[in-house]
Amino acid sequence: MKFLRLFFPVFITLSSAISLAKSVQPSAADMLLFNGKIYTVDEKQSWVEAVAVKNGDIVFAGDLTDAKAWLGKNTKQQDLNGKMLLPGFIDSHAHPVMGGAYVRSLSLDSFSGPKRWYQQIAEYAKQNPEAKILFGYGFLASAFGPQGPNSAMLDKIVPDRAVYLMDEGFHGAWANSKAMTLLGVDKNTPDPDPEFSYYKRDKSGKPTGYLLEATATDGIEKLDIININTVALGTADVINIMNSYGITAVFDAGASDVESLQMKVLQKVEQQGDMTIRMVASHMIGHADKAKGAIDIVAKKRKTSKHDMYHINTLKIMNDGTIEGKTAGMFEDYQGEPGNKGVTVFSQAQMNTLIAEASVENIDVHIHALGERAITETLNAIELVRKDSSQDNSTSRYAICHIQVMTDNDVKRFATLDVIAQSTPLWASYDEFGKEFVSDDQFNRYFRFNSLKQAGVKMSFGSDFPATGAGSLGMSPIFNMEIGHNRQTPEQKNAPIQPGKHERLDIATLIKGYTIDGAYQIHMDKQIGSIEVGKKADFVILDKNLFDVDRYDIHKVKVVETILGGQVIYSNK
């Protein structure tokens, strides 16, 4: 990064420059930003001295002297006073609509443990005496050992009302006895899929209160916890929080348990004037029986949902589970469970068909593949399409998300097959609980960000909110960048480093993942993702230069202002 130190922004005022401009200038800009550290993420010119905006678009990015040509009597001149200007951040994997159902609920501190969670549940119950069902999320199932949490733990805290909590990855639920009774779940209740979607049971076969995959998400619907009004209000909250973190675009990786409300919620949020974010959304499938007709559904939504600020146009495939649930598809048995290598939701043949059908229809595909075997099988399906000459003209883009455990060979295949590697940097901090479930070799192959970079792979980063593991703070790209850069728990210099240390990622690549590479993933790289003439004027202004701060102080950098299409949507001045 030696070249960065050679850049010295020009610190002058432009008050006298207006006289140099023509009094009547049709091309005069609406806004001119200058006197800051302007990082464009444009490889042709990474740093510029000034940026001009007109009608919501970037019309100039370059030297301050040349910028004067864009000044007019009505041009707003914004002196950055040495602050950093970047393209607006892009969250390339979140669930803002689904998150709208949770943002006002109890958010457990995933970085703590059961003792703290019990306190938070008790406090929340006391603060919400009228709530018939206490609902929340954020616990880490692996903190309770192989059997996970159980109803008795919650019954001691809240015996008289239903308690229903989703885990930090939204693949499992923790219910007390009252909630299990309301769900009608008992010893005779069958498991939808005994190897993937099931009720954890004790030795007698009685459900313990720990629910996995579809049994967990179905419980939310059966308990009638959410509706269109609450979800729309919550989605607006999520968007506001994202804006405060400098996010101007987001990929909605599936509405999940609020899928039926997805379109109505987006319409309602827009009508309320709260759609202050560019949103590309998806139709998600997570069961093998949903594969048939899925492409037709996406094609229909793509046609009927097109809006200036949102568009449902991507197929999201949930192809495995999680490490802590021991449902992520692996090549080795989970520790302590001989014969359990996790699962893949779709067979190789089904995945091949889905990817091929999407390619024919020019539909982008976003695949949840967390375990090494699930990643390999997904790449196999994409490879077949890449080798099919009849598909050469397809415009489909493929992203595999989460990518927690990966083989050496698959790192290279991401590059050769032009597949986007999507993940959440926050998860790359040391996983003291999950380590016991996998082999040492697998643990040393967690989140191979730098290896992917070295292989030439495009990487995009997002929060996976509400499954961040850090509540709403997990949405912050800056917070995530520090963890991706250090692979340690934030604010703890002596915290253990997640193996391998060589997978720490440089700041420039992390910024790319939250800007231009995120834009590429959502097929908007011609419109957003970098500060270039012709693109949308989506910016974030930071109080400090990310390249200059200490690696353990990155999380302290503040968002001063967020700008969408030339309009300020968040200000912390």
Foldseek 3Di string as FASTA:
>chain_A
DVVVVVDDADDDDCPVLQVVEDQDDPQAFQEKEFQEFEQFLDPVDRTAGMWGHHQQFTADTHYPVVCSHNHYPNYHYHYLNHFYKYFFFEFLEAALLLLLLAQPAQEQQQVPADVRRLVSQLVRCVVCVPDQEHEHEQHQQLRVPLLGDFQVSVCVRPVPHWYWYAYLLNFKIAIHPRLCVLVVAWQPDDAPDVQAWGFRADPVSTGGRMTGHPVNLVSCVSVVSDDLVSSLVSSLVLLLLLQQLRHAEYENLESRSCNVNVLVSVVVNVVVVSLRHAYEYEHEDEAQVPLPCRLVVLVVQQVPRDDPRYGYFAYEYEFWDDLSNLQAAEPAAWPPDPPRRHGTRYDLVSLLVSVQVCLVVLTAYEYEHAYAVSLVSNLVSLVVLVPDPVSPPRNYAAEYEAPFFHDPVSLLSLLVSQHEYEYFLLVLAADPSSVNTDDPVRQQRTPQQVSSVVSVHQYAYHQRPPSNSRHSLSRNLLCSLLCLQFSHDAPDPPGDHRHPRVSRDDNSSSLQNRFQSSCVSSVNNQATRGSDGPHGPWMWIWRHDCVPDDSRCSSVIGTAFTAGSNHTPDGDD
